Protein backbone atom coordinates (compact mmCIF):
# COMPACT_ATOMS: atom_id res chain seq x y z
CA MET A 1 19.89 -8.72 -9.08
CA SER A 2 17.24 -5.84 -9.13
CA THR A 3 16.50 -3.46 -11.44
CA ILE A 4 15.77 0.62 -10.91
CA ARG A 5 14.99 2.16 -14.03
CA ALA A 6 15.39 5.68 -14.59
CA PHE A 7 12.19 7.27 -16.71
CA ARG A 8 10.92 10.05 -18.59
CA ALA A 9 8.11 11.24 -16.04
CA ILE A 10 5.32 12.83 -16.47
CA ARG A 11 4.45 15.32 -13.93
CA PRO A 12 3.10 18.71 -12.75
CA LYS A 13 4.18 21.85 -13.21
CA LYS A 14 5.79 22.97 -9.90
CA GLU A 15 2.74 25.53 -9.06
CA PHE A 16 0.21 22.55 -9.62
CA ALA A 17 1.81 19.77 -7.54
CA ALA A 18 -0.28 20.04 -4.32
CA LYS A 19 -3.35 20.82 -6.06
CA VAL A 20 -3.03 17.91 -8.75
CA ALA A 21 -1.62 14.94 -5.76
CA SER A 22 -3.94 13.26 -4.67
CA ARG A 23 -4.66 9.78 -2.32
CA PRO A 24 -4.75 6.77 -4.24
CA TYR A 25 -7.63 5.09 -5.77
CA ASP A 26 -7.91 2.50 -3.36
CA VAL A 27 -7.99 4.09 -0.11
CA ILE A 28 -11.01 6.44 -0.84
CA ASN A 29 -14.50 5.52 -2.26
CA SER A 30 -16.45 7.34 -5.06
CA GLU A 31 -18.74 9.41 -2.89
CA GLU A 32 -15.44 10.57 -0.71
CA ALA A 33 -13.33 11.32 -3.92
CA ARG A 34 -16.30 13.72 -5.25
CA THR A 35 -15.78 15.40 -2.01
CA GLU A 36 -12.21 15.60 -1.65
CA ALA A 37 -11.87 16.44 -5.42
CA GLY A 38 -14.98 18.86 -5.11
CA GLY A 39 -13.84 22.73 -6.31
CA ASN A 40 -10.02 21.06 -7.12
CA PRO A 41 -10.24 20.83 -11.28
CA TYR A 42 -6.40 19.87 -11.19
CA SER A 43 -6.84 16.93 -8.28
CA PHE A 44 -5.69 13.69 -9.81
CA LEU A 45 -8.98 11.82 -8.76
CA HIS A 46 -9.87 12.87 -12.11
CA VAL A 47 -7.55 10.29 -13.63
CA VAL A 48 -7.48 7.56 -10.94
CA LYS A 49 -11.20 7.87 -9.61
CA SER A 50 -12.47 9.46 -13.05
CA GLU A 51 -16.16 8.62 -12.25
CA ILE A 52 -17.01 11.24 -10.11
CA ASP A 53 -16.72 13.17 -13.82
CA LEU A 54 -19.83 11.00 -14.44
CA PRO A 55 -23.46 10.75 -13.41
CA GLU A 56 -23.39 9.62 -9.78
CA ASP A 57 -25.08 5.55 -11.12
CA THR A 58 -22.53 5.39 -13.51
CA ASP A 59 -21.04 1.40 -11.99
CA ILE A 60 -17.57 2.04 -11.60
CA HIS A 61 -16.41 -0.94 -14.24
CA ASP A 62 -18.01 0.99 -17.33
CA ASP A 63 -15.71 1.42 -20.09
CA LEU A 64 -17.20 5.58 -19.82
CA VAL A 65 -15.18 5.06 -16.62
CA TYR A 66 -11.33 4.27 -18.05
CA GLN A 67 -12.47 6.02 -21.05
CA LYS A 68 -13.07 9.43 -19.11
CA ALA A 69 -9.33 8.40 -17.35
CA ARG A 70 -7.71 8.59 -20.36
CA GLN A 71 -9.69 11.48 -21.56
CA ASN A 72 -8.56 13.96 -18.23
CA LEU A 73 -4.95 12.82 -18.11
CA ASP A 74 -4.79 13.73 -21.80
CA LYS A 75 -6.73 17.18 -21.01
CA PHE A 76 -4.31 18.03 -17.84
CA ILE A 77 -1.35 17.57 -20.70
CA SER A 78 -2.60 19.73 -23.14
CA ASP A 79 -3.67 22.10 -20.82
CA GLY A 80 -0.47 22.27 -19.77
CA ILE A 81 -0.87 21.07 -16.02
CA LEU A 82 1.34 18.37 -16.32
CA PHE A 83 4.39 18.22 -18.88
CA ARG A 84 6.70 15.13 -19.99
CA GLU A 85 10.44 15.17 -19.38
CA GLU A 86 12.87 15.52 -22.28
CA LYS A 87 15.25 12.93 -20.84
CA PRO A 88 14.73 9.75 -18.46
CA MET A 89 15.52 10.62 -14.69
CA LEU A 90 15.18 9.00 -11.20
CA TYR A 91 13.60 11.00 -8.37
CA ILE A 92 13.38 10.84 -4.51
CA TYR A 93 10.37 11.11 -2.75
CA SER A 94 10.02 11.44 0.93
CA GLN A 95 6.82 11.87 3.22
CA THR A 96 6.77 13.22 6.79
CA MET A 97 4.60 12.16 9.20
CA ASN A 98 3.92 13.24 13.43
CA GLY A 99 8.07 14.20 12.88
CA ARG A 100 9.54 11.18 11.02
CA THR A 101 10.77 11.03 7.68
CA GLN A 102 10.63 8.38 5.03
CA TYR A 103 12.74 8.49 1.70
CA GLY A 104 12.31 6.25 -1.40
CA LEU A 105 13.69 6.30 -4.76
CA VAL A 106 11.04 6.74 -7.64
CA GLY A 107 11.64 4.87 -10.55
CA CYS A 108 10.61 1.60 -12.90
CA ALA A 109 10.48 -1.99 -11.86
CA SER A 110 10.70 -4.73 -13.95
CA VAL A 111 7.88 -6.93 -15.37
CA GLY A 112 10.06 -9.44 -16.10
CA GLU A 113 11.19 -9.46 -12.28
CA TYR A 114 7.95 -9.73 -11.32
CA GLU A 115 7.11 -12.69 -13.07
CA ASN A 116 10.06 -14.50 -11.90
CA ASN A 117 10.14 -13.99 -7.87
CA ILE A 118 13.16 -11.58 -7.60
CA ILE A 119 9.60 -8.90 -6.83
CA ARG A 120 8.44 -10.62 -4.36
CA LYS A 121 4.46 -10.80 -3.32
CA HIS A 122 2.90 -11.57 0.08
CA GLU A 123 -0.90 -11.46 -0.78
CA PHE A 124 -3.07 -13.23 -3.39
CA THR A 125 -4.98 -10.50 -5.61
CA ARG A 126 -8.82 -10.46 -6.46
CA LYS A 127 -9.22 -11.08 -10.27
CA ASP A 128 -12.13 -8.01 -10.35
CA LYS A 129 -9.55 -5.40 -8.52
CA GLU A 130 -6.94 -7.14 -11.21
CA ASP A 131 -9.22 -6.65 -14.07
CA ASP A 132 -9.98 -3.39 -12.96
CA ARG A 133 -6.27 -1.85 -12.93
CA CYS A 134 -5.10 -3.41 -15.81
CA ARG A 135 -7.84 -1.73 -18.03
CA HIS A 136 -7.00 1.93 -15.96
CA VAL A 137 -3.57 0.98 -17.17
CA GLU A 138 -4.37 0.17 -20.71
CA THR A 139 -6.58 2.67 -21.73
CA CYS A 140 -4.23 5.04 -20.01
CA ASN A 141 -1.42 3.57 -21.49
CA ALA A 142 0.35 4.60 -18.02
CA ASN A 143 1.02 3.54 -14.73
CA THR A 144 -1.14 6.66 -12.96
CA GLY A 145 -0.12 5.34 -9.54
CA PRO A 146 3.10 4.03 -8.12
CA VAL A 147 3.81 0.72 -6.05
CA PHE A 148 5.42 0.65 -2.92
CA LEU A 149 8.02 -1.52 -2.89
CA THR A 150 10.72 -2.01 -0.04
CA TYR A 151 14.76 -4.14 0.21
CA ARG A 152 17.19 -4.56 2.77
CA ASP A 153 19.15 -1.54 3.17
CA ASN A 154 22.05 -1.06 0.41
CA ASP A 155 24.19 1.57 2.13
CA SER A 156 25.65 2.68 -0.88
CA VAL A 157 22.32 3.84 -2.24
CA ASN A 158 21.39 5.58 1.24
CA ASP A 159 24.24 7.33 1.34
CA THR A 160 23.62 8.29 -2.32
CA VAL A 161 20.27 9.55 -1.15
CA SER A 162 21.68 11.55 1.41
CA ASN A 163 23.90 13.24 -0.22
CA TRP A 164 21.54 14.11 -3.14
CA VAL A 165 19.04 15.88 -0.59
CA LYS A 166 21.55 17.71 1.68
CA ASN A 167 22.98 19.26 -1.68
CA ASN A 168 19.73 19.58 -3.66
CA ALA A 169 16.69 21.65 -3.13
CA PRO A 170 13.35 19.89 -3.91
CA GLU A 171 11.23 20.65 -6.98
CA TYR A 172 8.20 19.40 -5.01
CA SER A 173 7.61 20.60 -0.97
CA PHE A 174 4.11 20.30 0.54
CA THR A 175 1.81 19.78 3.35
CA ALA A 176 -1.04 17.87 2.32
CA ASP A 177 -4.78 17.88 3.98
CA ASP A 178 -3.64 14.81 6.43
CA SER A 179 -1.05 16.70 7.52
CA VAL A 180 1.44 14.50 5.97
CA ARG A 181 4.82 16.51 4.43
CA HIS A 182 5.52 15.64 0.77
CA GLU A 183 8.85 16.45 -1.09
CA VAL A 184 10.44 15.50 -4.31
CA TRP A 185 13.58 16.10 -5.38
CA VAL A 186 14.73 15.17 -9.65
CA ILE A 187 17.88 13.28 -10.21
CA ASN A 188 19.18 14.86 -13.21
CA CYS A 189 22.50 13.77 -13.19
CA SER A 190 23.38 11.11 -15.13
CA GLU A 191 26.74 10.01 -13.25
CA THR A 192 23.88 9.56 -9.95
CA ILE A 193 21.89 7.53 -11.73
CA ASN A 194 24.15 5.38 -12.96
CA GLU A 195 25.55 5.06 -9.48
CA ILE A 196 22.17 4.48 -8.27
CA THR A 197 21.34 1.72 -10.96
CA GLY A 198 24.35 -0.29 -10.28
CA ALA A 199 24.31 -0.26 -6.81
CA PHE A 200 20.69 -1.47 -7.35
CA LYS A 201 22.29 -4.48 -9.07
CA LYS A 202 23.80 -6.08 -5.58
CA VAL A 203 20.14 -5.90 -4.08
CA PRO A 204 18.82 -9.19 -4.50
CA LEU A 205 15.50 -9.18 -3.92
CA LEU A 206 12.28 -6.45 -3.90
CA TYR A 207 9.40 -6.75 -1.87
CA VAL A 208 5.69 -5.52 -2.73
CA ALA A 209 5.06 -3.63 0.40
CA ASP A 210 1.85 -2.21 -1.08
CA GLY A 211 0.11 -2.72 -4.32
CA HIS A 212 -0.38 -6.09 -5.48
CA HIS A 213 -2.91 -5.28 -8.00
CA ARG A 214 -0.73 -2.19 -9.41
CA SER A 215 1.75 -4.69 -9.72
CA ALA A 216 -0.50 -7.58 -11.14
CA SER A 217 -1.75 -5.29 -13.25
CA ALA A 218 1.18 -3.93 -14.76
CA ALA A 219 2.74 -7.22 -15.61
CA ARG A 220 -0.54 -8.50 -17.47
CA VAL A 221 -0.70 -5.25 -19.25
CA GLY A 222 3.34 -6.20 -20.05
CA ARG A 223 2.97 -9.17 -21.21
CA ILE A 224 -0.49 -8.05 -23.57
CA LYS A 225 1.84 -5.57 -25.20
CA ARG A 226 5.20 -8.33 -25.10
CA ASP A 227 2.75 -10.88 -26.88
CA ALA A 228 1.44 -8.44 -29.27
CA ASN A 229 4.85 -6.65 -30.51
CA LYS A 230 6.72 -9.03 -33.30
CA SER A 231 9.79 -6.38 -32.80
CA HIS A 232 9.97 -7.09 -29.19
CA THR A 233 13.31 -5.98 -27.89
CA GLY A 234 12.65 -6.34 -23.62
CA SER A 235 13.83 -2.17 -23.67
CA GLU A 236 9.96 -1.35 -24.26
CA GLU A 237 8.33 1.53 -21.55
CA TYR A 238 5.62 -1.73 -21.14
CA ASN A 239 8.74 -4.13 -20.28
CA PHE A 240 9.03 -1.66 -17.10
CA TYR A 241 6.06 -0.10 -14.27
CA LEU A 242 5.97 2.88 -11.68
CA ALA A 243 7.78 1.76 -8.65
CA VAL A 244 8.90 3.71 -5.08
CA PHE A 245 11.64 1.64 -3.74
CA PHE A 246 11.87 2.89 0.48
CA PRO A 247 14.63 0.65 2.17
CA ALA A 248 13.52 -1.71 4.89
CA SER A 249 14.77 0.96 7.93
CA HIS A 250 12.60 3.85 6.69
CA LEU A 251 9.44 2.31 6.50
CA MET A 252 6.59 1.54 9.57
CA ILE A 253 4.24 -0.80 9.85
CA MET A 254 1.62 0.10 11.83
CA ASP A 255 -0.93 -2.44 13.41
CA TYR A 256 -4.34 -3.81 11.39
CA ASN A 257 -7.11 -4.31 13.48
CA ARG A 258 -10.51 -6.50 13.75
CA ILE A 259 -13.96 -5.84 14.69
CA VAL A 260 -16.60 -8.21 15.20
CA THR A 261 -20.57 -8.00 15.55
CA ASP A 262 -21.20 -10.27 17.48
CA LEU A 263 -19.63 -13.30 20.13
CA ASN A 264 -21.36 -16.38 17.77
CA GLY A 265 -24.25 -16.94 20.29
CA MET A 266 -22.17 -17.15 23.50
CA PRO A 267 -22.80 -15.78 26.72
CA LYS A 268 -19.54 -13.31 27.95
CA GLU A 269 -18.41 -15.22 30.60
CA ALA A 270 -18.55 -18.26 28.68
CA PHE A 271 -16.83 -16.58 26.09
CA LEU A 272 -14.13 -15.50 28.21
CA ASN A 273 -13.99 -18.80 29.66
CA ALA A 274 -13.40 -20.38 26.01
CA VAL A 275 -10.55 -17.32 25.09
CA SER A 276 -8.67 -18.19 28.39
CA GLU A 277 -7.94 -21.91 27.47
CA LYS A 278 -5.36 -20.45 24.82
CA PHE A 279 -4.65 -16.82 25.94
CA GLU A 280 -4.05 -15.21 29.42
CA ILE A 281 -6.49 -12.86 30.33
CA MET A 282 -5.20 -10.25 32.01
CA LYS A 283 -7.87 -7.11 33.23
CA ASN A 284 -5.60 -4.25 33.31
CA GLY A 285 -6.80 -1.87 31.25
CA ILE A 286 -4.50 -1.22 28.50
CA SER A 287 -5.74 -1.09 25.04
CA LYS A 288 -2.53 -1.15 22.53
CA PRO A 289 -0.30 -3.85 22.66
CA SER A 290 3.60 -2.87 23.24
CA GLN A 291 4.95 -6.62 22.27
CA PRO A 292 4.53 -9.51 19.69
CA LYS A 293 1.92 -12.21 21.09
CA THR A 294 -0.29 -10.02 22.94
CA PHE A 295 -3.82 -8.48 21.85
CA GLY A 296 -6.13 -5.89 23.36
CA MET A 297 -9.74 -7.00 23.51
CA TYR A 298 -12.44 -4.02 23.98
CA MET A 299 -16.00 -4.86 24.85
CA ASP A 300 -18.99 -3.58 27.34
CA GLY A 301 -16.45 -0.29 27.87
CA GLU A 302 -13.69 -2.28 28.97
CA TRP A 303 -10.10 -3.43 27.87
CA ILE A 304 -8.73 -6.80 28.49
CA GLN A 305 -5.78 -7.78 27.36
CA LEU A 306 -4.48 -10.94 26.09
CA LYS A 307 -1.03 -12.84 25.72
CA VAL A 308 -1.43 -16.20 23.46
CA LYS A 309 -0.11 -18.83 26.14
CA LYS A 310 2.96 -21.51 25.05
CA GLY A 311 2.33 -24.53 22.58
CA THR A 312 -0.45 -23.20 20.73
CA TYR A 313 1.20 -22.19 18.28
CA PRO A 314 3.71 -23.42 15.57
CA GLU A 315 6.61 -21.09 16.82
CA ASP A 316 8.81 -22.20 13.27
CA ASP A 317 5.54 -21.50 10.65
CA PRO A 318 6.54 -17.55 8.61
CA VAL A 319 2.46 -17.28 8.53
CA ASN A 320 1.16 -18.97 11.50
CA SER A 321 3.04 -17.83 13.97
CA LEU A 322 2.27 -14.08 12.85
CA ASP A 323 0.00 -12.30 15.66
CA VAL A 324 -2.83 -11.88 13.06
CA ALA A 325 -2.65 -15.59 12.62
CA ILE A 326 -2.61 -16.27 15.75
CA LEU A 327 -5.64 -14.37 16.54
CA GLN A 328 -7.54 -15.57 13.84
CA ASN A 329 -6.77 -19.78 14.61
CA ASN A 330 -7.16 -19.48 17.91
CA LEU A 331 -10.04 -17.29 18.57
CA LEU A 332 -11.73 -15.55 15.81
CA GLY A 333 -12.00 -19.02 13.98
CA PRO A 334 -12.67 -21.64 16.16
CA LEU A 335 -14.69 -19.56 18.72
CA LEU A 336 -16.10 -16.56 16.91
CA GLY A 337 -17.21 -18.79 13.67
CA ILE A 338 -15.02 -16.58 11.47
CA GLY A 339 -14.25 -19.11 8.68
CA ASP A 340 -12.78 -16.81 5.94
CA PRO A 341 -12.33 -13.05 7.24
CA ARG A 342 -11.90 -12.02 3.39
CA THR A 343 -15.83 -12.53 3.06
CA ASP A 344 -17.54 -12.65 6.32
CA ASN A 345 -19.53 -9.80 6.86
CA ARG A 346 -19.18 -10.12 10.51
CA ILE A 347 -16.29 -9.24 10.76
CA ASP A 348 -14.34 -5.73 9.79
CA PHE A 349 -10.90 -4.22 9.93
CA VAL A 350 -9.43 -0.66 11.04
CA GLY A 351 -6.11 0.55 9.99
CA GLY A 352 -4.09 1.54 13.41
CA ILE A 353 -3.69 5.23 11.75
CA ARG A 354 -6.93 5.56 13.16
CA GLY A 355 -6.36 4.67 16.16
CA MET A 356 -7.93 2.53 19.97
CA LYS A 357 -10.70 5.37 19.78
CA GLU A 358 -11.87 4.07 16.91
CA LEU A 359 -12.17 0.67 17.76
CA GLU A 360 -14.02 1.98 21.23
CA HIS A 361 -16.12 3.74 19.13
CA ARG A 362 -17.57 1.30 16.85
CA VAL A 363 -18.00 -0.89 19.33
CA ASN A 364 -19.95 1.21 21.46
CA SER A 365 -21.97 2.22 18.54
CA GLY A 366 -23.90 -1.29 18.98
CA LYS A 367 -23.30 -1.93 15.77
CA TYR A 368 -19.97 -4.59 16.54
CA LYS A 369 -20.05 -6.64 20.05
CA ILE A 370 -16.02 -6.80 19.92
CA ALA A 371 -12.91 -5.40 18.96
CA PHE A 372 -9.07 -6.37 19.27
CA SER A 373 -6.15 -5.02 18.57
CA THR A 374 -2.49 -6.04 17.29
CA TYR A 375 0.72 -5.76 17.59
CA PRO A 376 1.98 -4.70 13.89
CA VAL A 377 3.49 -7.49 11.69
CA SER A 378 7.22 -6.32 11.40
CA LEU A 379 9.05 -5.92 7.72
CA LYS A 380 11.52 -9.26 8.58
CA GLU A 381 8.31 -11.47 9.51
CA LEU A 382 6.76 -9.72 6.20
CA MET A 383 10.45 -10.74 3.86
CA ASN A 384 9.94 -14.01 5.23
CA VAL A 385 6.98 -15.07 4.29
CA SER A 386 7.66 -14.11 0.85
CA ASP A 387 10.76 -15.26 0.81
CA ALA A 388 8.64 -18.51 2.25
CA GLY A 389 6.71 -18.75 -1.15
CA MET A 390 3.58 -18.09 1.06
CA THR A 391 1.05 -15.46 1.86
CA MET A 392 0.26 -13.35 4.85
CA PRO A 393 -3.60 -13.43 6.43
CA PRO A 394 -5.62 -11.00 5.19
CA LYS A 395 -5.52 -7.57 6.40
CA SER A 396 -2.22 -7.86 7.78
CA THR A 397 -0.35 -5.06 7.38
CA TRP A 398 -1.34 -1.50 7.25
CA PHE A 399 1.02 1.23 5.79
CA GLU A 400 1.34 4.90 6.35
CA PRO A 401 1.74 7.40 4.95
CA LYS A 402 0.26 6.68 1.77
CA LEU A 403 1.89 7.28 -1.83
CA ARG A 404 -0.13 10.17 -3.56
CA SER A 405 -1.06 9.69 -7.42
CA GLY A 406 -0.07 12.35 -9.62
CA LEU A 407 3.04 13.74 -8.88
CA LEU A 408 4.87 10.92 -11.01
CA ILE A 409 3.68 9.36 -14.11
CA HIS A 410 4.92 6.23 -16.00
CA SER A 411 3.87 6.41 -19.87
CA LEU A 412 3.88 2.98 -21.40
CA GLU A 413 5.37 4.35 -24.39
């Protein structure tokens, strides 16, 4: 049984929505955020990347950064840019990119279900990143950015969402500067809300698609507040956190590609000979894999296709049978000496949204010697790894489009 809980959202007045909505905190650095929010006092980057309103040499983990985030959030509310709903509601959030639309429900997920593994994870979190989000949530006393959850499709939920969209106008509708269209519908009918929350009781599991640090920090803050409240009942807002719930059929995982600075001291021909022990090498100029267990490899201005040989990986292992794991275990590790891709500065990662030309550009610049394009992980594979209690290799999944921050905020009180 899974929970989706209606909540009294803090959200922008309709006329400010497009200006408030911002990219999430973790896909943009401070310099980029300053540029992106420049000239836009309404951008939610003033809350999720509040260091942009402090001197440039300010440590992003300084107490002043978190205090500034709270000040900016409070000011948005006091200035009437944001307001709080009078009663709990659910919302539908759609994103349209390249003619493809995905519809998710915005509500609150349960901290208890996260702790009890009903909400399943596929990545480790880093303590420093978790600490950062925990301090942000505690100081703002709110979840300012949603977690991206998915679940195996439920026909009842799909039908309810479809009918609401067909019969009601969106509250927000705008196209962002990256050409992605964002629309939000307010579900203000208690009967419909009850239908949805009832249907989710038949959804056995939820999966974190993106936002592991947001989930972990929300759960941590929930525990802190729970332990401090001698009158704790379990219904307090801190027991829940902001999420967008997408059915699996609506989502698309993009490839997450690799670039490496050098061939680990190997001459090119010796490297190719070593590669051929585990992979079939085809010099056909194909850059983007069209099926699993194949890879593109770019160096010296040429694309080479690799196809992994049978028997070189454990087919029944949910993790080590993934394409990104096969590439790591059969080539990046043993041949190029990339032992831990999380920490090795000889490797970098390029999300599939940037395309094959970006891989070519990085290698042609001379900073990198070789690039590898991968076939995307499937949602079924992600769920299988999560169900097995295992974790994905680092940089395995790239979801697009990204959820915008600032459209819906969850207060912890």
